């Protein structure tokens, strides 16, 4: 009976060794925040969490050139009272129409 317990314990330790470290060392994971990893971009994080990258930048006070660094934490929700800045108006230039050239008869 004790050899059975030893085998079970060894199997449990073996399986625990296969678990990602991210899950083992962060039992207090909060899904409202994201810790930036090497290779992440603001756009990729926003896309992964189904957010607009401009909102993500605004919620976290990130301005152009939108640099983020591994190890920093990002808020994945709007802070109380946050209002998205109005979009810059797009200047519409005059429409240029090129007359169609008919081939000579």
PDB file of N, CA and C in Angstrom:
ATOM      1  N   UNK A   1       0.817  -1.191   0.000  1.00  0.00           N
ATOM      2  CA  UNK A   1       0.000   0.000   0.000  1.00  0.00           C
ATOM      3  C   UNK A   1       0.861   1.255   0.000  1.00  0.00           C
ATOM      4  N   UNK A   2       1.961   1.266   0.721  1.00  0.00           N
ATOM      5  CA  UNK A   2       2.805   2.455   0.774  1.00  0.00           C
ATOM      6  C   UNK A   2       3.529   2.681  -0.556  1.00  0.00           C
ATOM      7  N   UNK A   3       3.836   1.610  -1.285  1.00  0.00           N
ATOM      8  CA  UNK A   3       4.487   1.801  -2.584  1.00  0.00           C
ATOM      9  C   UNK A   3       3.523   2.468  -3.566  1.00  0.00           C
ATOM     10  N   UNK A   4       2.247   2.183  -3.415  1.00  0.00           N
ATOM     11  CA  UNK A   4       1.245   2.819  -4.253  1.00  0.00           C
ATOM     12  C   UNK A   4       1.207   4.323  -3.982  1.00  0.00           C
ATOM     13  N   UNK A   5       1.300   4.721  -2.732  1.00  0.00           N
ATOM     14  CA  UNK A   5       1.318   6.138  -2.373  1.00  0.00           C
ATOM     15  C   UNK A   5       2.562   6.824  -2.911  1.00  0.00           C
ATOM     16  N   UNK A   6       3.684   6.147  -2.868  1.00  0.00           N
ATOM     17  CA  UNK A   6       4.926   6.719  -3.383  1.00  0.00           C
ATOM     18  C   UNK A   6       4.803   6.953  -4.884  1.00  0.00           C
ATOM     19  N   UNK A   7       4.236   5.990  -5.590  1.00  0.00           N
ATOM     20  CA  UNK A   7       4.060   6.126  -7.037  1.00  0.00           C
ATOM     21  C   UNK A   7       3.118   7.291  -7.341  1.00  0.00           C
ATOM     22  N   UNK A   8       2.028   7.402  -6.601  1.00  0.00           N
ATOM     23  CA  UNK A   8       1.099   8.515  -6.800  1.00  0.00           C
ATOM     24  C   UNK A   8       1.766   9.858  -6.525  1.00  0.00           C
ATOM     25  N   UNK A   9       2.568   9.916  -5.475  1.00  0.00           N
ATOM     26  CA  UNK A   9       3.274  11.146  -5.143  1.00  0.00           C
ATOM     27  C   UNK A   9       4.259  11.523  -6.248  1.00  0.00           C
ATOM     28  N   UNK A  10       4.987  10.532  -6.765  1.00  0.00           N
ATOM     29  CA  UNK A  10       5.928  10.801  -7.856  1.00  0.00           C
ATOM     30  C   UNK A  10       5.200  11.270  -9.115  1.00  0.00           C
ATOM     31  N   UNK A  11       4.062  10.656  -9.422  1.00  0.00           N
ATOM     32  CA  UNK A  11       3.277  11.094 -10.574  1.00  0.00           C
ATOM     33  C   UNK A  11       2.781  12.523 -10.397  1.00  0.00           C
ATOM     34  N   UNK A  12       2.340  12.836  -9.201  1.00  0.00           N
ATOM     35  CA  UNK A  12       1.870  14.189  -8.923  1.00  0.00           C
ATOM     36  C   UNK A  12       2.995  15.209  -9.084  1.00  0.00           C
ATOM     37  N   UNK A  13       4.168  14.888  -8.577  1.00  0.00           N
ATOM     38  CA  UNK A  13       5.318  15.792  -8.718  1.00  0.00           C
ATOM     39  C   UNK A  13       5.725  15.946 -10.174  1.00  0.00           C
ATOM     40  N   UNK A  14       5.679  14.851 -10.918  1.00  0.00           N
ATOM     41  CA  UNK A  14       6.025  14.905 -12.338  1.00  0.00           C
ATOM     42  C   UNK A  14       5.053  15.801 -13.097  1.00  0.00           C
ATOM     43  N   UNK A  15       3.759  15.649 -12.833  1.00  0.00           N
ATOM     44  CA  UNK A  15       2.762  16.484 -13.510  1.00  0.00           C
ATOM     45  C   UNK A  15       2.891  17.947 -13.094  1.00  0.00           C
ATOM     46  N   UNK A  16       3.186  18.205 -11.835  1.00  0.00           N
ATOM     47  CA  UNK A  16       3.354  19.582 -11.376  1.00  0.00           C
ATOM     48  C   UNK A  16       4.549  20.232 -12.065  1.00  0.00           C
ATOM     49  N   UNK A  17       5.568  19.455 -12.367  1.00  0.00           N
ATOM     50  CA  UNK A  17       6.743  19.982 -13.060  1.00  0.00           C
ATOM     51  C   UNK A  17       6.447  20.377 -14.491  1.00  0.00           C
ATOM     52  N   UNK A  18       5.385  19.853 -15.064  1.00  0.00           N
ATOM     53  CA  UNK A  18       5.018  20.169 -16.444  1.00  0.00           C
ATOM     54  C   UNK A  18       4.132  21.411 -16.539  1.00  0.00           C
ATOM     55  N   UNK A  19       3.629  21.887 -15.421  1.00  0.00           N
ATOM     56  CA  UNK A  19       2.747  23.057 -15.432  1.00  0.00           C
ATOM     57  C   UNK A  19       3.550  24.315 -15.740  1.00  0.00           C
ATOM     58  N   UNK A  20       2.971  25.262 -16.485  1.00  0.00           N
ATOM     59  CA  UNK A  20       3.681  26.516 -16.760  1.00  0.00           C
ATOM     60  C   UNK A  20       3.966  27.265 -15.458  1.00  0.00           C
ATOM     61  N   UNK A  21       5.142  27.861 -15.395  1.00  0.00           N
ATOM     62  CA  UNK A  21       5.518  28.605 -14.191  1.00  0.00           C
ATOM     63  C   UNK A  21       4.562  29.752 -13.929  1.00  0.00           C
ATOM     64  N   UNK A  22       4.013  30.307 -14.966  1.00  0.00           N
ATOM     65  CA  UNK A  22       3.096  31.429 -14.823  1.00  0.00           C
ATOM     66  C   UNK A  22       1.929  31.061 -13.910  1.00  0.00           C
ATOM     67  N   UNK A  23       1.448  29.836 -14.016  1.00  0.00           N
ATOM     68  CA  UNK A  23       0.322  29.420 -13.195  1.00  0.00           C
ATOM     69  C   UNK A  23       0.754  29.088 -11.775  1.00  0.00           C
ATOM     70  N   UNK A  24       1.978  28.608 -11.593  1.00  0.00           N
ATOM     71  CA  UNK A  24       2.426  28.196 -10.267  1.00  0.00           C
ATOM     72  C   UNK A  24       2.788  29.372  -9.375  1.00  0.00           C
ATOM     73  N   UNK A  25       3.403  30.396  -9.936  1.00  0.00           N
ATOM     74  CA  UNK A  25       3.908  31.456  -9.074  1.00  0.00           C
ATOM     75  C   UNK A  25       2.981  32.664  -8.966  1.00  0.00           C
ATOM     76  N   UNK A  26       1.800  32.620  -9.568  1.00  0.00           N
ATOM     77  CA  UNK A  26       0.894  33.762  -9.470  1.00  0.00           C
ATOM     78  C   UNK A  26      -0.523  33.318  -9.131  1.00  0.00           C
ATOM     79  N   UNK A  27      -0.744  32.817  -7.916  1.00  0.00           N
ATOM     80  CA  UNK A  27      -2.102  32.394  -7.574  1.00  0.00           C
ATOM     81  C   UNK A  27      -3.065  33.565  -7.464  1.00  0.00           C
ATOM     82  N   UNK A  28      -2.537  34.800  -7.306  1.00  0.00           N
ATOM     83  CA  UNK A  28      -3.395  35.962  -7.154  1.00  0.00           C
ATOM     84  C   UNK A  28      -3.659  36.667  -8.482  1.00  0.00           C
ATOM     85  N   UNK A  29      -3.567  35.952  -9.595  1.00  0.00           N
ATOM     86  CA  UNK A  29      -3.769  36.567 -10.919  1.00  0.00           C
ATOM     87  C   UNK A  29      -5.085  37.314 -10.962  1.00  0.00           C
ATOM     88  N   UNK A  30      -5.026  38.522 -11.445  1.00  0.00           N
ATOM     89  CA  UNK A  30      -6.205  39.367 -11.561  1.00  0.00           C
ATOM     90  C   UNK A  30      -6.476  39.567 -13.047  1.00  0.00           C
ATOM     91  N   UNK A  31      -7.595  39.055 -13.569  1.00  0.00           N
ATOM     92  CA  UNK A  31      -7.861  39.159 -15.004  1.00  0.00           C
ATOM     93  C   UNK A  31      -8.091  40.587 -15.487  1.00  0.00           C
ATOM     94  N   UNK A  32      -8.169  41.548 -14.561  1.00  0.00           N
ATOM     95  CA  UNK A  32      -8.360  42.941 -14.974  1.00  0.00           C
ATOM     96  C   UNK A  32      -7.046  43.608 -15.336  1.00  0.00           C
ATOM     97  N   UNK A  33      -5.929  42.921 -15.101  1.00  0.00           N
ATOM     98  CA  UNK A  33      -4.612  43.475 -15.400  1.00  0.00           C
ATOM     99  C   UNK A  33      -3.817  42.477 -16.225  1.00  0.00           C
ATOM    100  N   UNK A  34      -2.839  42.985 -16.964  1.00  0.00           N
ATOM    101  CA  UNK A  34      -1.988  42.131 -17.788  1.00  0.00           C
ATOM    102  C   UNK A  34      -0.536  42.546 -17.568  1.00  0.00           C
ATOM    103  N   UNK A  35       0.327  41.581 -17.312  1.00  0.00           N
ATOM    104  CA  UNK A  35       1.757  41.855 -17.172  1.00  0.00           C
ATOM    105  C   UNK A  35       2.404  41.680 -18.543  1.00  0.00           C
ATOM    106  N   UNK A  36       3.064  42.722 -19.010  1.00  0.00           N
ATOM    107  CA  UNK A  36       3.669  42.733 -20.342  1.00  0.00           C
ATOM    108  C   UNK A  36       4.827  41.743 -20.393  1.00  0.00           C
ATOM    109  N   UNK A  37       4.884  40.973 -21.494  1.00  0.00           N
ATOM    110  CA  UNK A  37       5.953  40.005 -21.722  1.00  0.00           C
ATOM    111  C   UNK A  37       6.805  40.448 -22.902  1.00  0.00           C
ATOM    112  N   UNK A  38       7.974  39.860 -23.011  1.00  0.00           N
ATOM    113  CA  UNK A  38       8.878  40.147 -24.135  1.00  0.00           C
ATOM    114  C   UNK A  38       8.146  39.851 -25.441  1.00  0.00           C
ATOM    115  N   UNK A  39       8.196  40.776 -26.376  1.00  0.00           N
ATOM    116  CA  UNK A  39       7.574  40.592 -27.679  1.00  0.00           C
ATOM    117  C   UNK A  39       6.151  41.125 -27.779  1.00  0.00           C
ATOM    118  N   UNK A  40       5.545  41.477 -26.647  1.00  0.00           N
ATOM    119  CA  UNK A  40       4.190  42.037 -26.678  1.00  0.00           C
ATOM    120  C   UNK A  40       4.204  43.431 -27.288  1.00  0.00           C
ATOM    121  N   UNK A  41       3.114  43.775 -27.946  1.00  0.00           N
ATOM    122  CA  UNK A  41       2.892  45.143 -28.405  1.00  0.00           C
ATOM    123  C   UNK A  41       1.543  45.579 -27.843  1.00  0.00           C
ATOM    124  N   UNK A  42       1.336  46.860 -27.791  1.00  0.00           N
ATOM    125  CA  UNK A  42       0.065  47.377 -27.299  1.00  0.00           C
ATOM    126  C   UNK A  42      -1.076  46.821 -28.148  1.00  0.00           C
ATOM    127  N   UNK A  43      -0.860  46.779 -29.449  1.00  0.00           N
ATOM    128  CA  UNK A  43      -1.888  46.273 -30.363  1.00  0.00           C
ATOM    129  C   UNK A  43      -2.168  44.791 -30.114  1.00  0.00           C
ATOM    130  N   UNK A  44      -1.113  43.982 -29.950  1.00  0.00           N
ATOM    131  CA  UNK A  44      -1.321  42.539 -29.766  1.00  0.00           C
ATOM    132  C   UNK A  44      -2.043  42.240 -28.451  1.00  0.00           C
ATOM    133  N   UNK A  45      -1.724  42.988 -27.411  1.00  0.00           N
ATOM    134  CA  UNK A  45      -2.391  42.795 -26.117  1.00  0.00           C
ATOM    135  C   UNK A  45      -3.864  43.178 -26.233  1.00  0.00           C
ATOM    136  N   UNK A  46      -4.135  44.311 -26.867  1.00  0.00           N
ATOM    137  CA  UNK A  46      -5.516  44.765 -27.041  1.00  0.00           C
ATOM    138  C   UNK A  46      -6.304  43.751 -27.868  1.00  0.00           C
ATOM    139  N   UNK A  47      -5.709  43.266 -28.945  1.00  0.00           N
ATOM    140  CA  UNK A  47      -6.385  42.300 -29.810  1.00  0.00           C
ATOM    141  C   UNK A  47      -6.704  41.023 -29.040  1.00  0.00           C
ATOM    142  N   UNK A  48      -5.737  40.536 -28.257  1.00  0.00           N
ATOM    143  CA  UNK A  48      -5.914  39.311 -27.481  1.00  0.00           C
ATOM    144  C   UNK A  48      -7.058  39.434 -26.465  1.00  0.00           C
ATOM    145  N   UNK A  49      -7.263  40.645 -25.946  1.00  0.00           N
ATOM    146  CA  UNK A  49      -8.294  40.862 -24.930  1.00  0.00           C
ATOM    147  C   UNK A  49      -9.543  41.539 -25.495  1.00  0.00           C
ATOM    148  N   UNK A  50      -9.627  41.590 -26.832  1.00  0.00           N
ATOM    149  CA  UNK A  50     -10.768  42.167 -27.551  1.00  0.00           C
ATOM    150  C   UNK A  50     -11.043  43.604 -27.126  1.00  0.00           C
ATOM    151  N   UNK A  51      -9.970  44.406 -27.115  1.00  0.00           N
ATOM    152  CA  UNK A  51     -10.048  45.810 -26.757  1.00  0.00           C
ATOM    153  C   UNK A  51      -9.528  46.649 -27.906  1.00  0.00           C
ATOM    154  N   UNK A  52      -9.821  47.929 -27.880  1.00  0.00           N
ATOM    155  CA  UNK A  52      -9.257  48.874 -28.836  1.00  0.00           C
ATOM    156  C   UNK A  52      -7.909  49.344 -28.281  1.00  0.00           C
ATOM    157  N   UNK A  53      -6.865  49.294 -29.081  1.00  0.00           N
ATOM    158  CA  UNK A  53      -5.529  49.635 -28.588  1.00  0.00           C
ATOM    159  C   UNK A  53      -5.460  51.089 -28.114  1.00  0.00           C
ATOM    160  N   UNK A  54      -6.282  51.959 -28.725  1.00  0.00           N
ATOM    161  CA  UNK A  54      -6.280  53.367 -28.301  1.00  0.00           C
ATOM    162  C   UNK A  54      -6.871  53.515 -26.900  1.00  0.00           C
ATOM    163  N   UNK A  55      -7.916  52.732 -26.602  1.00  0.00           N
ATOM    164  CA  UNK A  55      -8.479  52.743 -25.251  1.00  0.00           C
ATOM    165  C   UNK A  55      -7.446  52.218 -24.256  1.00  0.00           C
ATOM    166  N   UNK A  56      -6.804  51.117 -24.599  1.00  0.00           N
ATOM    167  CA  UNK A  56      -5.792  50.523 -23.719  1.00  0.00           C
ATOM    168  C   UNK A  56      -4.688  51.525 -23.416  1.00  0.00           C
ATOM    169  N   UNK A  57      -4.252  52.245 -24.422  1.00  0.00           N
ATOM    170  CA  UNK A  57      -3.216  53.260 -24.222  1.00  0.00           C
ATOM    171  C   UNK A  57      -3.734  54.374 -23.312  1.00  0.00           C
ATOM    172  N   UNK A  58      -4.953  54.831 -23.541  1.00  0.00           N
ATOM    173  CA  UNK A  58      -5.531  55.905 -22.741  1.00  0.00           C
ATOM    174  C   UNK A  58      -5.728  55.509 -21.290  1.00  0.00           C
ATOM    175  N   UNK A  59      -6.223  54.298 -21.047  1.00  0.00           N
ATOM    176  CA  UNK A  59      -6.471  53.831 -19.686  1.00  0.00           C
ATOM    177  C   UNK A  59      -5.186  53.739 -18.878  1.00  0.00           C
ATOM    178  N   UNK A  60      -4.068  53.541 -19.587  1.00  0.00           N
ATOM    179  CA  UNK A  60      -2.791  53.346 -18.906  1.00  0.00           C
ATOM    180  C   UNK A  60      -1.843  54.534 -19.041  1.00  0.00           C
ATOM    181  N   UNK A  61      -2.341  55.634 -19.607  1.00  0.00           N
ATOM    182  CA  UNK A  61      -1.528  56.840 -19.723  1.00  0.00           C
ATOM    183  C   UNK A  61      -0.343  56.680 -20.654  1.00  0.00           C
ATOM    184  N   UNK A  62      -0.496  55.876 -21.695  1.00  0.00           N
ATOM    185  CA  UNK A  62       0.592  55.634 -22.649  1.00  0.00           C
ATOM    186  C   UNK A  62       0.365  56.533 -23.862  1.00  0.00           C
ATOM    187  N   UNK A  63       1.332  57.408 -24.124  1.00  0.00           N
ATOM    188  CA  UNK A  63       1.233  58.333 -25.257  1.00  0.00           C
ATOM    189  C   UNK A  63       2.194  57.894 -26.364  1.00  0.00           C
ATOM    190  N   UNK A  64       2.097  58.579 -27.506  1.00  0.00           N
ATOM    191  CA  UNK A  64       3.025  58.278 -28.603  1.00  0.00           C
ATOM    192  C   UNK A  64       4.444  58.365 -28.089  1.00  0.00           C
ATOM    193  N   UNK A  65       5.301  57.499 -28.473  1.00  0.00           N
ATOM    194  CA  UNK A  65       5.243  56.459 -29.497  1.00  0.00           C
ATOM    195  C   UNK A  65       4.734  55.114 -28.971  1.00  0.00           C
ATOM    196  N   UNK A  66       3.942  55.108 -27.903  1.00  0.00           N
ATOM    197  CA  UNK A  66       3.275  53.925 -27.378  1.00  0.00           C
ATOM    198  C   UNK A  66       4.247  52.806 -26.999  1.00  0.00           C
ATOM    199  N   UNK A  67       5.292  53.159 -26.267  1.00  0.00           N
ATOM    200  CA  UNK A  67       6.278  52.170 -25.822  1.00  0.00           C
ATOM    201  C   UNK A  67       5.801  51.471 -24.561  1.00  0.00           C
ATOM    202  N   UNK A  68       5.947  50.154 -24.546  1.00  0.00           N
ATOM    203  CA  UNK A  68       5.648  49.368 -23.354  1.00  0.00           C
ATOM    204  C   UNK A  68       6.867  48.511 -23.046  1.00  0.00           C
ATOM    205  N   UNK A  69       6.990  48.076 -21.793  1.00  0.00           N
ATOM    206  CA  UNK A  69       8.180  47.342 -21.369  1.00  0.00           C
ATOM    207  C   UNK A  69       7.800  46.077 -20.613  1.00  0.00           C
ATOM    208  N   UNK A  70       8.509  44.968 -20.879  1.00  0.00           N
ATOM    209  CA  UNK A  70       8.227  43.718 -20.174  1.00  0.00           C
ATOM    210  C   UNK A  70       8.290  43.921 -18.659  1.00  0.00           C
ATOM    211  N   UNK A  71       7.340  43.295 -17.978  1.00  0.00           N
ATOM    212  CA  UNK A  71       7.272  43.391 -16.528  1.00  0.00           C
ATOM    213  C   UNK A  71       6.274  44.428 -16.039  1.00  0.00           C
ATOM    214  N   UNK A  72       5.973  45.431 -16.863  1.00  0.00           N
ATOM    215  CA  UNK A  72       4.979  46.437 -16.476  1.00  0.00           C
ATOM    216  C   UNK A  72       3.586  45.827 -16.558  1.00  0.00           C
ATOM    217  N   UNK A  73       2.669  46.356 -15.752  1.00  0.00           N
ATOM    218  CA  UNK A  73       1.281  45.878 -15.752  1.00  0.00           C
ATOM    219  C   UNK A  73       0.383  46.883 -16.447  1.00  0.00           C
ATOM    220  N   UNK A  74      -0.543  46.360 -17.228  1.00  0.00           N
ATOM    221  CA  UNK A  74      -1.523  47.195 -17.912  1.00  0.00           C
ATOM    222  C   UNK A  74      -2.911  46.945 -17.332  1.00  0.00           C
ATOM    223  N   UNK A  75      -3.659  48.015 -17.197  1.00  0.00           N
ATOM    224  CA  UNK A  75      -5.066  47.944 -16.789  1.00  0.00           C
ATOM    225  C   UNK A  75      -5.859  47.563 -18.036  1.00  0.00           C
ATOM    226  N   UNK A  76      -6.746  46.571 -17.916  1.00  0.00           N
ATOM    227  CA  UNK A  76      -7.546  46.115 -19.046  1.00  0.00           C
ATOM    228  C   UNK A  76      -8.989  46.612 -18.968  1.00  0.00           C
ATOM    229  N   UNK A  77      -9.214  47.684 -18.218  1.00  0.00           N
ATOM    230  CA  UNK A  77     -10.552  48.245 -18.082  1.00  0.00           C
ATOM    231  C   UNK A  77     -10.424  49.753 -17.913  1.00  0.00           C
ATOM    232  N   UNK A  78     -11.501  50.448 -18.201  1.00  0.00           N
ATOM    233  CA  UNK A  78     -11.487  51.906 -18.090  1.00  0.00           C
ATOM    234  C   UNK A  78     -11.531  52.322 -16.622  1.00  0.00           C
ATOM    235  N   UNK A  79     -10.682  53.268 -16.225  1.00  0.00           N
ATOM    236  CA  UNK A  79     -10.759  53.763 -14.849  1.00  0.00           C
ATOM    237  C   UNK A  79     -12.046  54.561 -14.662  1.00  0.00           C
ATOM    238  N   UNK A  80     -12.499  54.705 -13.422  1.00  0.00           N
ATOM    239  CA  UNK A  80     -13.737  55.460 -13.178  1.00  0.00           C
ATOM    240  C   UNK A  80     -13.658  56.877 -13.771  1.00  0.00           C
ATOM    241  N   UNK A  81     -14.685  57.259 -14.476  1.00  0.00           N
ATOM    242  CA  UNK A  81     -14.759  58.598 -15.046  1.00  0.00           C
ATOM    243  C   UNK A  81     -13.981  58.792 -16.334  1.00  0.00           C
ATOM    244  N   UNK A  82     -13.348  57.738 -16.848  1.00  0.00           N
ATOM    245  CA  UNK A  82     -12.563  57.879 -18.083  1.00  0.00           C
ATOM    246  C   UNK A  82     -13.488  58.128 -19.262  1.00  0.00           C
ATOM    247  N   UNK A  83     -13.125  59.100 -20.072  1.00  0.00           N
ATOM    248  CA  UNK A  83     -13.856  59.366 -21.307  1.00  0.00           C
ATOM    249  C   UNK A  83     -12.852  59.356 -22.446  1.00  0.00           C
ATOM    250  N   UNK A  84     -13.182  58.642 -23.486  1.00  0.00           N
ATOM    251  CA  UNK A  84     -12.293  58.557 -24.640  1.00  0.00           C
ATOM    252  C   UNK A  84     -12.191  59.933 -25.278  1.00  0.00           C
ATOM    253  N   UNK A  85     -10.943  60.383 -25.558  1.00  0.00           N
ATOM    254  CA  UNK A  85     -10.794  61.676 -26.227  1.00  0.00           C
ATOM    255  C   UNK A  85     -11.453  61.632 -27.609  1.00  0.00           C
ATOM    256  N   UNK A  86     -12.014  62.749 -28.040  1.00  0.00           N
ATOM    257  CA  UNK A  86     -12.651  62.748 -29.367  1.00  0.00           C
ATOM    258  C   UNK A  86     -11.616  62.490 -30.452  1.00  0.00           C
ATOM    259  N   UNK A  87     -12.046  61.804 -31.469  1.00  0.00           N
ATOM    260  CA  UNK A  87     -11.156  61.508 -32.593  1.00  0.00           C
ATOM    261  C   UNK A  87     -10.836  62.791 -33.341  1.00  0.00           C
ATOM    262  N   UNK A  88      -9.622  62.882 -33.811  1.00  0.00           N
ATOM    263  CA  UNK A  88      -9.214  64.055 -34.589  1.00  0.00           C
ATOM    264  C   UNK A  88      -9.982  64.049 -35.902  1.00  0.00           C
ATOM    265  N   UNK A  89     -10.515  65.212 -36.290  1.00  0.00           N
ATOM    266  CA  UNK A  89     -11.253  65.255 -37.558  1.00  0.00           C
ATOM    267  C   UNK A  89     -10.325  65.005 -38.735  1.00  0.00           C
ATOM    268  N   UNK A  90     -10.846  64.306 -39.695  1.00  0.00           N
ATOM    269  CA  UNK A  90     -10.075  64.013 -40.900  1.00  0.00           C
ATOM    270  C   UNK A  90     -10.342  65.130 -41.892  1.00  0.00           C
ATOM    271  N   UNK A  91      -9.262  65.782 -42.321  1.00  0.00           N
ATOM    272  CA  UNK A  91      -9.414  66.877 -43.267  1.00  0.00           C
ATOM    273  C   UNK A  91      -9.691  66.307 -44.655  1.00  0.00           C
ATOM    274  N   UNK A  92     -10.802  66.715 -45.199  1.00  0.00           N
ATOM    275  CA  UNK A  92     -11.144  66.261 -46.542  1.00  0.00           C
ATOM    276  C   UNK A  92     -10.690  67.325 -47.534  1.00  0.00           C
ATOM    277  N   UNK A  93      -9.827  66.961 -48.423  1.00  0.00           N
ATOM    278  CA  UNK A  93      -9.352  67.889 -49.446  1.00  0.00           C
ATOM    279  C   UNK A  93     -10.352  67.976 -50.584  1.00  0.00           C
ATOM    280  N   UNK A  94     -10.128  68.906 -51.451  1.00  0.00           N
ATOM    281  CA  UNK A  94     -11.046  69.021 -52.592  1.00  0.00           C
ATOM    282  C   UNK A  94     -10.939  67.783 -53.474  1.00  0.00           C
ATOM    283  N   UNK A  95     -12.070  67.346 -53.948  1.00  0.00           N
ATOM    284  CA  UNK A  95     -12.087  66.179 -54.832  1.00  0.00           C
ATOM    285  C   UNK A  95     -11.524  66.586 -56.185  1.00  0.00           C
ATOM    286  N   UNK A  96     -10.620  65.806 -56.678  1.00  0.00           N
ATOM    287  CA  UNK A  96     -10.066  66.086 -58.002  1.00  0.00           C
ATOM    288  C   UNK A  96     -10.605  65.048 -58.965  1.00  0.00           C
ATOM    289  N   UNK A  97     -11.217  65.537 -59.988  1.00  0.00           N
ATOM    290  CA  UNK A  97     -11.785  64.652 -60.997  1.00  0.00           C
ATOM    291  C   UNK A  97     -10.970  64.827 -62.266  1.00  0.00           C
ATOM    292  N   UNK A  98     -10.478  63.713 -62.754  1.00  0.00           N
ATOM    293  CA  UNK A  98      -9.719  63.768 -64.001  1.00  0.00           C
ATOM    294  C   UNK A  98     -10.660  63.437 -65.141  1.00  0.00           C
ATOM    295  N   UNK A  99     -10.817  64.372 -66.119  1.00  0.00           N
ATOM    296  CA  UNK A  99     -11.727  64.086 -67.218  1.00  0.00           C
ATOM    297  C   UNK A  99     -11.231  62.881 -68.023  1.00  0.00           C
ATOM    298  N   UNK A 100     -12.185  62.112 -68.438  1.00  0.00           N
ATOM    299  CA  UNK A 100     -11.845  60.918 -69.185  1.00  0.00           C
ATOM    300  C   UNK A 100     -11.391  61.332 -70.572  1.00  0.00           C
ATOM    301  N   UNK A 101     -10.298  60.792 -70.980  1.00  0.00           N
ATOM    302  CA  UNK A 101      -9.762  61.106 -72.303  1.00  0.00           C
ATOM    303  C   UNK A 101     -10.334  60.124 -73.321  1.00  0.00           C
ATOM    304  N   UNK A 102     -11.016  60.666 -74.292  1.00  0.00           N
ATOM    305  CA  UNK A 102     -11.565  59.827 -75.360  1.00  0.00           C
ATOM    306  C   UNK A 102     -10.511  59.728 -76.453  1.00  0.00           C
ATOM    307  N   UNK A 103     -10.336  58.559 -77.019  1.00  0.00           N
ATOM    308  CA  UNK A 103      -9.380  58.449 -78.126  1.00  0.00           C
ATOM    309  C   UNK A 103      -9.881  59.244 -79.338  1.00  0.00           C
ATOM    310  N   UNK A 104      -8.978  59.808 -80.085  1.00  0.00           N
ATOM    311  CA  UNK A 104      -9.418  60.571 -81.266  1.00  0.00           C
ATOM    312  C   UNK A 104     -10.116  59.660 -82.274  1.00  0.00           C
ATOM    313  N   UNK A 105     -11.126  60.200 -82.988  1.00  0.00           N
ATOM    314  CA  UNK A 105     -11.879  59.367 -83.961  1.00  0.00           C
ATOM    315  C   UNK A 105     -11.048  58.965 -85.148  1.00  0.00           C
TER     316      UNK A 105
END
